[in-house]
C-alpha atoms as a PDB file:
ATOM      1  CA  MET A   1      54.905 -13.447 -44.723  1.00  0.00           C
ATOM      2  CA  ALA A   2      58.622 -13.156 -43.976  1.00  0.00           C
ATOM      3  CA  ALA A   3      60.006 -14.912 -40.938  1.00  0.00           C
ATOM      4  CA  PHE A   4      60.685 -12.733 -37.921  1.00  0.00           C
ATOM      5  CA  HIS A   5      64.311 -12.801 -36.762  1.00  0.00           C
ATOM      6  CA  PRO A   6      64.915 -11.092 -33.390  1.00  0.00           C
ATOM      7  CA  ASN A   7      68.287  -9.537 -32.842  1.00  0.00           C
ATOM      8  CA  LEU A   8      70.035 -11.640 -30.198  1.00  0.00           C
ATOM      9  CA  GLU A   9      73.421  -9.998 -30.743  1.00  0.00           C
ATOM     10  CA  ASN A  10      75.151  -7.687 -28.258  1.00  0.00           C
ATOM     11  CA  PRO A  11      72.590  -8.358 -25.515  1.00  0.00           C
ATOM     12  CA  MET A  12      74.190  -6.649 -22.516  1.00  0.00           C
ATOM     13  CA  ALA A  13      72.405  -3.528 -21.329  1.00  0.00           C
ATOM     14  CA  PRO A  14      72.539  -1.822 -17.925  1.00  0.00           C
ATOM     15  CA  PRO A  15      69.451  -1.151 -15.795  1.00  0.00           C
ATOM     16  CA  THR A  16      67.823   2.171 -16.520  1.00  0.00           C
ATOM     17  CA  THR A  17      67.517   3.163 -12.867  1.00  0.00           C
ATOM     18  CA  ALA A  18      68.924   2.121  -9.518  1.00  0.00           C
ATOM     19  CA  THR A  19      65.543   0.724  -8.510  1.00  0.00           C
ATOM     20  CA  ASP A  20      64.982  -1.328 -11.657  1.00  0.00           C
ATOM     21  CA  PHE A  21      67.263  -4.238 -10.561  1.00  0.00           C
ATOM     22  CA  PHE A  22      66.691  -6.155 -13.805  1.00  0.00           C
ATOM     23  CA  PRO A  23      68.764  -5.343 -16.924  1.00  0.00           C
ATOM     24  CA  TRP A  24      66.023  -6.384 -19.314  1.00  0.00           C
ATOM     25  CA  ASN A  25      66.873  -7.486 -22.828  1.00  0.00           C
ATOM     26  CA  ASN A  26      63.591  -8.783 -24.224  1.00  0.00           C
ATOM     27  CA  THR A  27      63.170 -10.621 -27.517  1.00  0.00           C
ATOM     28  CA  TYR A  28      60.031 -12.780 -27.220  1.00  0.00           C
ATOM     29  CA  SER A  29      57.846  -9.736 -26.694  1.00  0.00           C
ATOM     30  CA  ARG A  30      59.101  -8.470 -30.075  1.00  0.00           C
ATOM     31  CA  LEU A  31      57.387 -11.357 -31.833  1.00  0.00           C
ATOM     32  CA  PRO A  32      53.953 -10.762 -33.421  1.00  0.00           C
ATOM     33  CA  ASP A  33      51.111 -10.020 -31.019  1.00  0.00           C
ATOM     34  CA  ARG A  34      49.378 -13.349 -31.632  1.00  0.00           C
ATOM     35  CA  PHE A  35      52.201 -15.095 -29.756  1.00  0.00           C
ATOM     36  CA  PHE A  36      51.133 -13.664 -26.400  1.00  0.00           C
ATOM     37  CA  ALA A  37      48.872 -11.295 -24.506  1.00  0.00           C
ATOM     38  CA  ARG A  38      50.200  -8.135 -22.926  1.00  0.00           C
ATOM     39  CA  VAL A  39      49.086  -8.194 -19.297  1.00  0.00           C
ATOM     40  CA  ARG A  40      50.284  -6.745 -16.009  1.00  0.00           C
ATOM     41  CA  PRO A  41      50.485  -8.600 -12.684  1.00  0.00           C
ATOM     42  CA  VAL A  42      47.567  -8.067 -10.313  1.00  0.00           C
ATOM     43  CA  PRO A  43      48.761  -6.424  -7.052  1.00  0.00           C
ATOM     44  CA  VAL A  44      48.588  -8.352  -3.778  1.00  0.00           C
ATOM     45  CA  ALA A  45      47.751  -7.214  -0.266  1.00  0.00           C
ATOM     46  CA  ALA A  46      50.876  -7.737   1.856  1.00  0.00           C
ATOM     47  CA  PRO A  47      53.837  -9.361   0.102  1.00  0.00           C
ATOM     48  CA  ARG A  48      56.507 -10.941   2.270  1.00  0.00           C
ATOM     49  CA  LEU A  49      59.698 -12.615   1.092  1.00  0.00           C
ATOM     50  CA  ILE A  50      59.843 -16.276   2.077  1.00  0.00           C
ATOM     51  CA  ARG A  51      63.014 -17.257   0.269  1.00  0.00           C
ATOM     52  CA  LEU A  52      65.449 -15.675  -2.166  1.00  0.00           C
ATOM     53  CA  ASN A  53      67.968 -17.742  -4.099  1.00  0.00           C
ATOM     54  CA  GLU A  54      70.934 -15.434  -3.616  1.00  0.00           C
ATOM     55  CA  LYS A  55      73.401 -17.596  -5.547  1.00  0.00           C
ATOM     56  CA  LEU A  56      71.104 -17.733  -8.570  1.00  0.00           C
ATOM     57  CA  ALA A  57      70.453 -13.996  -8.320  1.00  0.00           C
ATOM     58  CA  ARG A  58      74.177 -13.284  -8.533  1.00  0.00           C
ATOM     59  CA  HIS A  59      74.537 -15.639 -11.501  1.00  0.00           C
ATOM     60  CA  LEU A  60      71.805 -13.661 -13.240  1.00  0.00           C
ATOM     61  CA  GLY A  61      73.764 -10.475 -12.598  1.00  0.00           C
ATOM     62  CA  LEU A  62      71.230  -9.263 -10.020  1.00  0.00           C
ATOM     63  CA  ASP A  63      71.818  -7.752  -6.587  1.00  0.00           C
ATOM     64  CA  PRO A  64      70.381 -10.056  -3.878  1.00  0.00           C
ATOM     65  CA  ASP A  65      70.260  -7.268  -1.309  1.00  0.00           C
ATOM     66  CA  ALA A  66      68.252  -5.073  -3.668  1.00  0.00           C
ATOM     67  CA  LEU A  67      65.845  -7.922  -4.445  1.00  0.00           C
ATOM     68  CA  ALA A  68      65.337  -8.590  -0.719  1.00  0.00           C
ATOM     69  CA  SER A  69      64.602  -4.919  -0.020  1.00  0.00           C
ATOM     70  CA  PRO A  70      61.020  -3.614   0.229  1.00  0.00           C
ATOM     71  CA  ALA A  71      61.285  -2.252  -3.316  1.00  0.00           C
ATOM     72  CA  GLY A  72      62.595  -5.611  -4.572  1.00  0.00           C
ATOM     73  CA  ILE A  73      59.771  -7.513  -2.893  1.00  0.00           C
ATOM     74  CA  GLU A  74      57.308  -5.184  -4.618  1.00  0.00           C
ATOM     75  CA  LEU A  75      58.790  -6.351  -7.929  1.00  0.00           C
ATOM     76  CA  LEU A  76      58.813 -10.046  -7.006  1.00  0.00           C
ATOM     77  CA  SER A  77      55.159  -9.858  -5.940  1.00  0.00           C
ATOM     78  CA  GLY A  78      53.985  -8.021  -9.039  1.00  0.00           C
ATOM     79  CA  ASN A  79      52.965  -4.954  -7.040  1.00  0.00           C
ATOM     80  CA  ARG A  80      55.334  -2.853  -9.112  1.00  0.00           C
ATOM     81  CA  VAL A  81      56.230  -3.442 -12.734  1.00  0.00           C
ATOM     82  CA  PRO A  82      59.908  -2.705 -13.381  1.00  0.00           C
ATOM     83  CA  GLU A  83      60.952  -0.068 -15.841  1.00  0.00           C
ATOM     84  CA  ASN A  84      61.671  -1.366 -19.347  1.00  0.00           C
ATOM     85  CA  CYS A  85      59.550  -4.410 -18.456  1.00  0.00           C
ATOM     86  CA  GLU A  86      57.075  -5.673 -21.054  1.00  0.00           C
ATOM     87  CA  PRO A  87      54.971  -8.230 -19.140  1.00  0.00           C
ATOM     88  CA  ILE A  88      53.286 -10.863 -21.274  1.00  0.00           C
ATOM     89  CA  SER A  89      51.493 -14.168 -20.927  1.00  0.00           C
ATOM     90  CA  MET A  90      52.450 -16.679 -23.596  1.00  0.00           C
ATOM     91  CA  ALA A  91      49.998 -18.544 -25.821  1.00  0.00           C
ATOM     92  CA  TYR A  92      50.287 -22.307 -26.275  1.00  0.00           C
ATOM     93  CA  ALA A  93      48.178 -25.423 -26.704  1.00  0.00           C
ATOM     94  CA  GLY A  94      48.530 -28.898 -25.240  1.00  0.00           C
ATOM     95  CA  HIS A  95      47.084 -32.274 -24.354  1.00  0.00           C
ATOM     96  CA  GLN A  96      45.153 -32.471 -21.078  1.00  0.00           C
ATOM     97  CA  PHE A  97      43.241 -35.434 -19.659  1.00  0.00           C
ATOM     98  CA  GLY A  98      43.956 -37.348 -22.858  1.00  0.00           C
ATOM     99  CA  HIS A  99      42.484 -34.672 -25.141  1.00  0.00           C
ATOM    100  CA  PHE A 100      44.053 -31.945 -27.240  1.00  0.00           C
ATOM    101  CA  VAL A 101      43.138 -28.400 -26.187  1.00  0.00           C
ATOM    102  CA  PRO A 102      43.952 -25.883 -28.962  1.00  0.00           C
ATOM    103  CA  GLN A 103      44.340 -22.941 -26.584  1.00  0.00           C
ATOM    104  CA  LEU A 104      45.769 -23.069 -23.084  1.00  0.00           C
ATOM    105  CA  GLY A 105      48.435 -20.433 -22.429  1.00  0.00           C
ATOM    106  CA  ASP A 106      49.770 -18.894 -19.241  1.00  0.00           C
ATOM    107  CA  GLY A 107      46.657 -18.803 -17.101  1.00  0.00           C
ATOM    108  CA  ARG A 108      48.431 -17.581 -13.973  1.00  0.00           C
ATOM    109  CA  ALA A 109      51.971 -16.784 -15.095  1.00  0.00           C
ATOM    110  CA  ILE A 110      53.368 -13.529 -16.414  1.00  0.00           C
ATOM    111  CA  LEU A 111      56.731 -13.293 -18.142  1.00  0.00           C
ATOM    112  CA  LEU A 112      58.341 -10.069 -16.943  1.00  0.00           C
ATOM    113  CA  GLY A 113      61.174 -10.258 -19.440  1.00  0.00           C
ATOM    114  CA  GLU A 114      64.605 -11.631 -20.223  1.00  0.00           C
ATOM    115  CA  VAL A 115      68.042 -11.007 -18.760  1.00  0.00           C
ATOM    116  CA  ILE A 116      71.539 -12.111 -19.731  1.00  0.00           C
ATOM    117  CA  ASN A 117      73.395 -13.955 -16.967  1.00  0.00           C
ATOM    118  CA  VAL A 118      77.076 -13.671 -16.132  1.00  0.00           C
ATOM    119  CA  ASP A 119      77.865 -16.458 -18.632  1.00  0.00           C
ATOM    120  CA  GLY A 120      76.180 -14.552 -21.455  1.00  0.00           C
ATOM    121  CA  GLN A 121      73.127 -16.851 -21.477  1.00  0.00           C
ATOM    122  CA  ARG A 122      69.598 -15.530 -21.987  1.00  0.00           C
ATOM    123  CA  ARG A 123      67.139 -16.309 -19.182  1.00  0.00           C
ATOM    124  CA  ASP A 124      63.414 -15.637 -18.699  1.00  0.00           C
ATOM    125  CA  ILE A 125      62.115 -14.140 -15.439  1.00  0.00           C
ATOM    126  CA  GLN A 126      58.513 -15.174 -14.816  1.00  0.00           C
ATOM    127  CA  LEU A 127      56.046 -14.598 -11.984  1.00  0.00           C
ATOM    128  CA  LYS A 128      53.837 -17.627 -11.370  1.00  0.00           C
ATOM    129  CA  GLY A 129      50.607 -16.884  -9.493  1.00  0.00           C
ATOM    130  CA  ALA A 130      50.573 -13.220 -10.496  1.00  0.00           C
ATOM    131  CA  GLY A 131      46.869 -12.978 -11.330  1.00  0.00           C
ATOM    132  CA  ARG A 132      44.378 -13.571 -14.107  1.00  0.00           C
ATOM    133  CA  THR A 133      45.372 -13.418 -17.768  1.00  0.00           C
ATOM    134  CA  PRO A 134      43.367 -13.798 -20.998  1.00  0.00           C
ATOM    135  CA  TYR A 135      44.269 -17.516 -20.828  1.00  0.00           C
ATOM    136  CA  SER A 136      42.944 -18.146 -17.296  1.00  0.00           C
ATOM    137  CA  ARG A 137      39.734 -19.857 -18.519  1.00  0.00           C
ATOM    138  CA  GLY A 138      37.795 -19.019 -15.366  1.00  0.00           C
ATOM    139  CA  GLY A 139      40.674 -19.531 -12.949  1.00  0.00           C
ATOM    140  CA  ASP A 140      41.784 -16.933 -10.436  1.00  0.00           C
ATOM    141  CA  GLY A 141      45.334 -16.730 -11.747  1.00  0.00           C
ATOM    142  CA  ARG A 142      46.764 -17.239  -8.284  1.00  0.00           C
ATOM    143  CA  ALA A 143      49.032 -19.847  -6.696  1.00  0.00           C
ATOM    144  CA  ALA A 144      48.826 -21.396  -3.246  1.00  0.00           C
ATOM    145  CA  LEU A 145      51.708 -21.375  -0.820  1.00  0.00           C
ATOM    146  CA  GLY A 146      52.156 -25.156  -0.762  1.00  0.00           C
ATOM    147  CA  PRO A 147      52.653 -25.636  -4.525  1.00  0.00           C
ATOM    148  CA  VAL A 148      54.976 -22.611  -4.636  1.00  0.00           C
ATOM    149  CA  LEU A 149      57.204 -24.106  -1.955  1.00  0.00           C
ATOM    150  CA  ARG A 150      57.094 -27.508  -3.676  1.00  0.00           C
ATOM    151  CA  GLU A 151      58.240 -26.035  -6.992  1.00  0.00           C
ATOM    152  CA  TYR A 152      60.988 -24.060  -5.278  1.00  0.00           C
ATOM    153  CA  LEU A 153      62.345 -27.148  -3.483  1.00  0.00           C
ATOM    154  CA  LEU A 154      61.978 -29.609  -6.355  1.00  0.00           C
ATOM    155  CA  SER A 155      63.423 -27.400  -9.062  1.00  0.00           C
ATOM    156  CA  GLU A 156      66.469 -26.615  -6.954  1.00  0.00           C
ATOM    157  CA  ALA A 157      66.839 -30.306  -6.019  1.00  0.00           C
ATOM    158  CA  MET A 158      66.818 -31.235  -9.694  1.00  0.00           C
ATOM    159  CA  ALA A 159      69.399 -28.545 -10.435  1.00  0.00           C
ATOM    160  CA  ALA A 160      71.624 -29.899  -7.650  1.00  0.00           C
ATOM    161  CA  LEU A 161      71.306 -33.371  -9.204  1.00  0.00           C
ATOM    162  CA  GLY A 162      72.553 -31.975 -12.502  1.00  0.00           C
ATOM    163  CA  ILE A 163      69.246 -32.508 -14.314  1.00  0.00           C
ATOM    164  CA  PRO A 164      68.167 -29.722 -16.708  1.00  0.00           C
ATOM    165  CA  THR A 165      65.418 -27.715 -15.050  1.00  0.00           C
ATOM    166  CA  THR A 166      63.837 -24.349 -14.595  1.00  0.00           C
ATOM    167  CA  ARG A 167      65.132 -22.600 -11.491  1.00  0.00           C
ATOM    168  CA  ALA A 168      63.695 -20.892  -8.429  1.00  0.00           C
ATOM    169  CA  LEU A 169      64.677 -17.270  -7.839  1.00  0.00           C
ATOM    170  CA  ALA A 170      62.186 -16.388  -5.105  1.00  0.00           C
ATOM    171  CA  ALA A 171      59.041 -17.326  -3.220  1.00  0.00           C
ATOM    172  CA  VAL A 172      56.840 -14.562  -1.853  1.00  0.00           C
ATOM    173  CA  SER A 173      53.702 -14.875   0.266  1.00  0.00           C
ATOM    174  CA  THR A 174      50.976 -12.475  -0.830  1.00  0.00           C
ATOM    175  CA  GLY A 175      48.936 -11.842   2.304  1.00  0.00           C
ATOM    176  CA  ASP A 176      45.883 -12.871   0.289  1.00  0.00           C
ATOM    177  CA  THR A 177      43.759 -16.010   0.554  1.00  0.00           C
ATOM    178  CA  VAL A 178      43.177 -18.251  -2.436  1.00  0.00           C
ATOM    179  CA  TRP A 179      40.230 -20.607  -2.582  1.00  0.00           C
ATOM    180  CA  ARG A 180      40.615 -24.182  -3.694  1.00  0.00           C
ATOM    181  CA  ASP A 181      38.678 -26.786  -1.708  1.00  0.00           C
ATOM    182  CA  THR A 182      39.368 -24.638   1.343  1.00  0.00           C
ATOM    183  CA  PRO A 183      40.840 -21.154   1.890  1.00  0.00           C
ATOM    184  CA  ILE A 184      44.654 -21.317   1.841  1.00  0.00           C
ATOM    185  CA  PRO A 185      47.484 -18.760   1.860  1.00  0.00           C
ATOM    186  CA  GLY A 186      48.531 -17.350  -1.497  1.00  0.00           C
ATOM    187  CA  ALA A 187      52.053 -17.002  -2.845  1.00  0.00           C
ATOM    188  CA  ILE A 188      53.993 -16.065  -5.974  1.00  0.00           C
ATOM    189  CA  PHE A 189      56.902 -18.021  -7.415  1.00  0.00           C
ATOM    190  CA  THR A 190      59.628 -16.335  -9.467  1.00  0.00           C
ATOM    191  CA  ARG A 191      60.749 -18.854 -12.055  1.00  0.00           C
ATOM    192  CA  VAL A 192      63.868 -18.658 -14.199  1.00  0.00           C
ATOM    193  CA  ALA A 193      64.152 -20.613 -17.455  1.00  0.00           C
ATOM    194  CA  SER A 194      66.250 -20.583 -20.589  1.00  0.00           C
ATOM    195  CA  SER A 195      62.830 -19.926 -22.125  1.00  0.00           C
ATOM    196  CA  HIS A 196      59.201 -20.860 -21.517  1.00  0.00           C
ATOM    197  CA  ILE A 197      58.604 -22.056 -25.086  1.00  0.00           C
ATOM    198  CA  ARG A 198      56.874 -25.433 -25.051  1.00  0.00           C
ATOM    199  CA  VAL A 199      56.003 -28.226 -27.454  1.00  0.00           C
ATOM    200  CA  GLY A 200      52.484 -26.859 -27.075  1.00  0.00           C
ATOM    201  CA  THR A 201      53.620 -23.466 -28.358  1.00  0.00           C
ATOM    202  CA  PHE A 202      54.226 -25.036 -31.764  1.00  0.00           C
ATOM    203  CA  GLN A 203      50.933 -26.920 -31.473  1.00  0.00           C
ATOM    204  CA  TYR A 204      49.104 -23.653 -30.868  1.00  0.00           C
ATOM    205  CA  PHE A 205      50.018 -22.336 -34.305  1.00  0.00           C
ATOM    206  CA  ALA A 206      49.817 -25.693 -36.068  1.00  0.00           C
ATOM    207  CA  ALA A 207      46.258 -26.204 -34.806  1.00  0.00           C
ATOM    208  CA  ARG A 208      45.324 -22.871 -36.387  1.00  0.00           C
ATOM    209  CA  ARG A 209      47.008 -23.817 -39.670  1.00  0.00           C
ATOM    210  CA  ASP A 210      49.201 -20.781 -39.105  1.00  0.00           C
ATOM    211  CA  GLY A 211      52.228 -21.897 -41.093  1.00  0.00           C
ATOM    212  CA  ALA A 212      53.817 -18.469 -40.871  1.00  0.00           C
ATOM    213  CA  GLY A 213      53.528 -18.577 -37.070  1.00  0.00           C
ATOM    214  CA  VAL A 214      55.167 -22.003 -36.926  1.00  0.00           C
ATOM    215  CA  ARG A 215      58.030 -20.792 -39.102  1.00  0.00           C
ATOM    216  CA  ILE A 216      58.516 -17.593 -37.069  1.00  0.00           C
ATOM    217  CA  LEU A 217      58.595 -19.631 -33.862  1.00  0.00           C
ATOM    218  CA  ALA A 218      60.990 -22.189 -35.338  1.00  0.00           C
ATOM    219  CA  ASP A 219      63.358 -19.448 -36.508  1.00  0.00           C
ATOM    220  CA  TYR A 220      63.242 -17.873 -33.060  1.00  0.00           C
ATOM    221  CA  VAL A 221      63.917 -21.189 -31.304  1.00  0.00           C
ATOM    222  CA  ILE A 222      66.851 -21.932 -33.610  1.00  0.00           C
ATOM    223  CA  ASP A 223      68.339 -18.492 -32.930  1.00  0.00           C
ATOM    224  CA  ARG A 224      67.841 -18.776 -29.188  1.00  0.00           C
ATOM    225  CA  HIS A 225      68.372 -22.439 -28.343  1.00  0.00           C
ATOM    226  CA  TYR A 226      69.788 -24.377 -31.290  1.00  0.00           C
ATOM    227  CA  PRO A 227      71.948 -22.053 -33.409  1.00  0.00           C
ATOM    228  CA  HIS A 228      73.897 -25.007 -34.840  1.00  0.00           C
ATOM    229  CA  CYS A 229      70.725 -26.058 -36.672  1.00  0.00           C
ATOM    230  CA  ALA A 230      70.869 -22.930 -38.824  1.00  0.00           C
ATOM    231  CA  ASP A 231      73.782 -24.382 -40.807  1.00  0.00           C
ATOM    232  CA  ALA A 232      72.055 -27.711 -41.496  1.00  0.00           C
ATOM    233  CA  ALA A 233      70.808 -28.619 -44.983  1.00  0.00           C
ATOM    234  CA  ASN A 234      67.279 -28.617 -43.516  1.00  0.00           C
ATOM    235  CA  PRO A 235      67.341 -26.386 -40.407  1.00  0.00           C
ATOM    236  CA  TYR A 236      63.774 -27.276 -39.356  1.00  0.00           C
ATOM    237  CA  ARG A 237      64.394 -31.022 -39.518  1.00  0.00           C
ATOM    238  CA  ALA A 238      67.621 -30.479 -37.591  1.00  0.00           C
ATOM    239  CA  LEU A 239      65.635 -28.547 -34.980  1.00  0.00           C
ATOM    240  CA  LEU A 240      63.104 -31.361 -34.634  1.00  0.00           C
ATOM    241  CA  ASP A 241      65.878 -33.933 -34.223  1.00  0.00           C
ATOM    242  CA  ALA A 242      67.648 -31.798 -31.605  1.00  0.00           C
ATOM    243  CA  VAL A 243      64.462 -31.276 -29.574  1.00  0.00           C
ATOM    244  CA  ILE A 244      63.640 -35.008 -29.683  1.00  0.00           C
ATOM    245  CA  ARG A 245      67.153 -35.857 -28.518  1.00  0.00           C
ATOM    246  CA  ASN A 246      67.026 -33.343 -25.664  1.00  0.00           C
ATOM    247  CA  GLN A 247      63.615 -34.579 -24.512  1.00  0.00           C
ATOM    248  CA  ALA A 248      64.745 -38.210 -24.577  1.00  0.00           C
ATOM    249  CA  GLU A 249      67.912 -37.424 -22.635  1.00  0.00           C
ATOM    250  CA  LEU A 250      65.913 -35.443 -20.081  1.00  0.00           C
ATOM    251  CA  ILE A 251      63.429 -38.241 -19.420  1.00  0.00           C
ATOM    252  CA  ALA A 252      66.270 -40.765 -19.160  1.00  0.00           C
ATOM    253  CA  GLN A 253      67.747 -38.600 -16.408  1.00  0.00           C
ATOM    254  CA  TRP A 254      64.366 -38.521 -14.653  1.00  0.00           C
ATOM    255  CA  LEU A 255      64.279 -42.319 -14.708  1.00  0.00           C
ATOM    256  CA  LEU A 256      67.751 -42.545 -13.197  1.00  0.00           C
ATOM    257  CA  VAL A 257      66.618 -40.700 -10.063  1.00  0.00           C
ATOM    258  CA  GLY A 258      63.056 -42.058  -9.918  1.00  0.00           C
ATOM    259  CA  PHE A 259      61.396 -38.745 -10.747  1.00  0.00           C
ATOM    260  CA  ILE A 260      57.745 -38.886 -11.830  1.00  0.00           C
ATOM    261  CA  HIS A 261      56.306 -35.826 -13.591  1.00  0.00           C
ATOM    262  CA  GLY A 262      52.602 -36.001 -12.827  1.00  0.00           C
ATOM    263  CA  VAL A 263      51.457 -33.739 -15.684  1.00  0.00           C
ATOM    264  CA  MET A 264      53.846 -34.516 -18.544  1.00  0.00           C
ATOM    265  CA  ASN A 265      51.627 -33.062 -21.247  1.00  0.00           C
ATOM    266  CA  THR A 266      52.822 -31.203 -24.327  1.00  0.00           C
ATOM    267  CA  ASP A 267      52.057 -27.892 -22.623  1.00  0.00           C
ATOM    268  CA  ASN A 268      54.478 -28.898 -19.841  1.00  0.00           C
ATOM    269  CA  MET A 269      57.402 -29.938 -22.027  1.00  0.00           C
ATOM    270  CA  ALA A 270      59.941 -27.190 -22.723  1.00  0.00           C
ATOM    271  CA  ILE A 271      61.561 -26.977 -26.154  1.00  0.00           C
ATOM    272  CA  SER A 272      64.860 -26.241 -24.389  1.00  0.00           C
ATOM    273  CA  GLY A 273      64.908 -29.693 -22.759  1.00  0.00           C
ATOM    274  CA  GLU A 274      64.451 -28.387 -19.225  1.00  0.00           C
ATOM    275  CA  THR A 275      62.133 -29.874 -16.623  1.00  0.00           C
ATOM    276  CA  ILE A 276      59.230 -27.456 -16.244  1.00  0.00           C
ATOM    277  CA  ASP A 277      56.012 -27.239 -14.192  1.00  0.00           C
ATOM    278  CA  TYR A 278      56.364 -29.166 -10.948  1.00  0.00           C
ATOM    279  CA  GLY A 279      52.729 -29.938 -10.239  1.00  0.00           C
ATOM    280  CA  PRO A 280      51.713 -33.329  -8.825  1.00  0.00           C
ATOM    281  CA  CYS A 281      55.179 -34.899  -8.965  1.00  0.00           C
ATOM    282  CA  ALA A 282      57.577 -36.714  -6.661  1.00  0.00           C
ATOM    283  CA  PHE A 283      60.572 -39.024  -6.461  1.00  0.00           C
ATOM    284  CA  MET A 284      59.861 -42.752  -6.295  1.00  0.00           C
ATOM    285  CA  ASP A 285      61.699 -44.209  -3.288  1.00  0.00           C
ATOM    286  CA  THR A 286      61.263 -47.842  -4.361  1.00  0.00           C
ATOM    287  CA  TYR A 287      60.348 -49.184  -7.779  1.00  0.00           C
ATOM    288  CA  ASN A 288      56.611 -49.578  -8.289  1.00  0.00           C
ATOM    289  CA  PRO A 289      55.309 -49.595 -11.892  1.00  0.00           C
ATOM    290  CA  ALA A 290      51.789 -48.710 -10.685  1.00  0.00           C
ATOM    291  CA  GLN A 291      52.853 -45.623  -8.725  1.00  0.00           C
ATOM    292  CA  VAL A 292      51.294 -42.285  -9.732  1.00  0.00           C
ATOM    293  CA  TYR A 293      51.434 -38.847  -8.138  1.00  0.00           C
ATOM    294  CA  SER A 294      48.565 -37.164  -9.955  1.00  0.00           C
ATOM    295  CA  PHE A 295      45.029 -37.896  -8.802  1.00  0.00           C
ATOM    296  CA  ILE A 296      43.702 -37.279 -12.318  1.00  0.00           C
ATOM    297  CA  GLU A 297      45.730 -40.219 -13.646  1.00  0.00           C
ATOM    298  CA  VAL A 298      44.916 -42.883 -11.059  1.00  0.00           C
ATOM    299  CA  HIS A 299      42.031 -44.684 -12.778  1.00  0.00           C
ATOM    300  CA  ARG A 300      43.362 -44.497 -16.339  1.00  0.00           C
ATOM    301  CA  HIS A 301      46.839 -45.586 -15.206  1.00  0.00           C
ATOM    302  CA  ALA A 302      45.336 -48.449 -13.193  1.00  0.00           C
ATOM    303  CA  ARG A 303      43.494 -49.689 -16.299  1.00  0.00           C
ATOM    304  CA  ARG A 304      46.729 -49.687 -18.285  1.00  0.00           C
ATOM    305  CA  VAL A 305      48.483 -51.691 -15.576  1.00  0.00           C
ATOM    306  CA  LEU A 306      45.647 -54.244 -15.485  1.00  0.00           C
ATOM    307  CA  ARG A 307      45.733 -54.672 -19.254  1.00  0.00           C
ATOM    308  CA  ALA A 308      49.517 -55.100 -19.151  1.00  0.00           C
ATOM    309  CA  THR A 309      49.243 -57.902 -16.583  1.00  0.00           C
END
C-alpha cells in the first residue's frame, strides 16, 4: 500500500460564507477512514459564552465579534456544524492505570477541522465535551464546567510561561447537567493545537500490526510537524529522534516551573511536543517528591516512594 501524502501546500482559503467564520483547510480528515470516525457534535440545550480568547482568535485569522455572536456561540457549542467542516474523532491507543489499552480515541472530543493562522501555521480546532463518539466506551461524551475552566486557565498560563501547549479559544456553558458523583453544570472547551496526534496514535496502528498505517501516519507527521526529517538518510529514525528530543525538552520545562501532569500517559503526549490534556494536574508550590495530583496514582506512587526510601 502506498503511503498517503496530503497536500499541505498553498493552504490559504477564504470562508465560504459570512456565517462560516472558520476558513477550513483540512488534511487529517483526508487520511484513510481507519484513522478516525466521522461524527457530529451532539446539540446542547442553552449554550452561553463564558470566555473567548480574542487575542488567539485574531491570531488564527478569526473574527472575535463573529465568534461571540449568537451564531458563533452555536458553532462553539456544537449546535451548528460550520460549512466545509468535516467533524471527526481521532483513533489512538495508550497506557492507562499501568496497562496498555489498544483502543482509546476521542471519547468526548470532536475535531472540527484545521485553519491556517496569520503566521502560516496549521492549527486544529477541537470541541471537547461535544458528546458521545464511537470511542466513548460507555461515557456520556460531555465535560463538566470545572474541568473546562481549569483547562482554559492552565493552558493559557503555560502559554504565558513560554511552555509549548495547546491553547484555549473558548469556554461555553451548555445549559445541560452532566452526572458524575453528583449533578454538575456542563460545558464545552474549544481547544487549539498544532495537531492532536499523540504517541498513542502510532501505538494504535502498531498494536494492530498495521505497518501501512504507521507509515502513512509517519509521513503525515513529517510533512506537518518535522519537514526537515524528510531530507535525512532515514526519515523515520530522524522523526523518532526529533519527537524524543521535543518530549524531553517539554518535560524539562515542566520541571522548571513545578508542573505535574497527573495523567502523563502515551495517549496524553502530543507528537508535536505540546502539553496536552490538563486533567488532574497542578503546579507544585514547594518541592515534595511524594506529591501527586491524580487520585488514581496515590497508592502506586506511595509504594514507589516507600521502596525508594
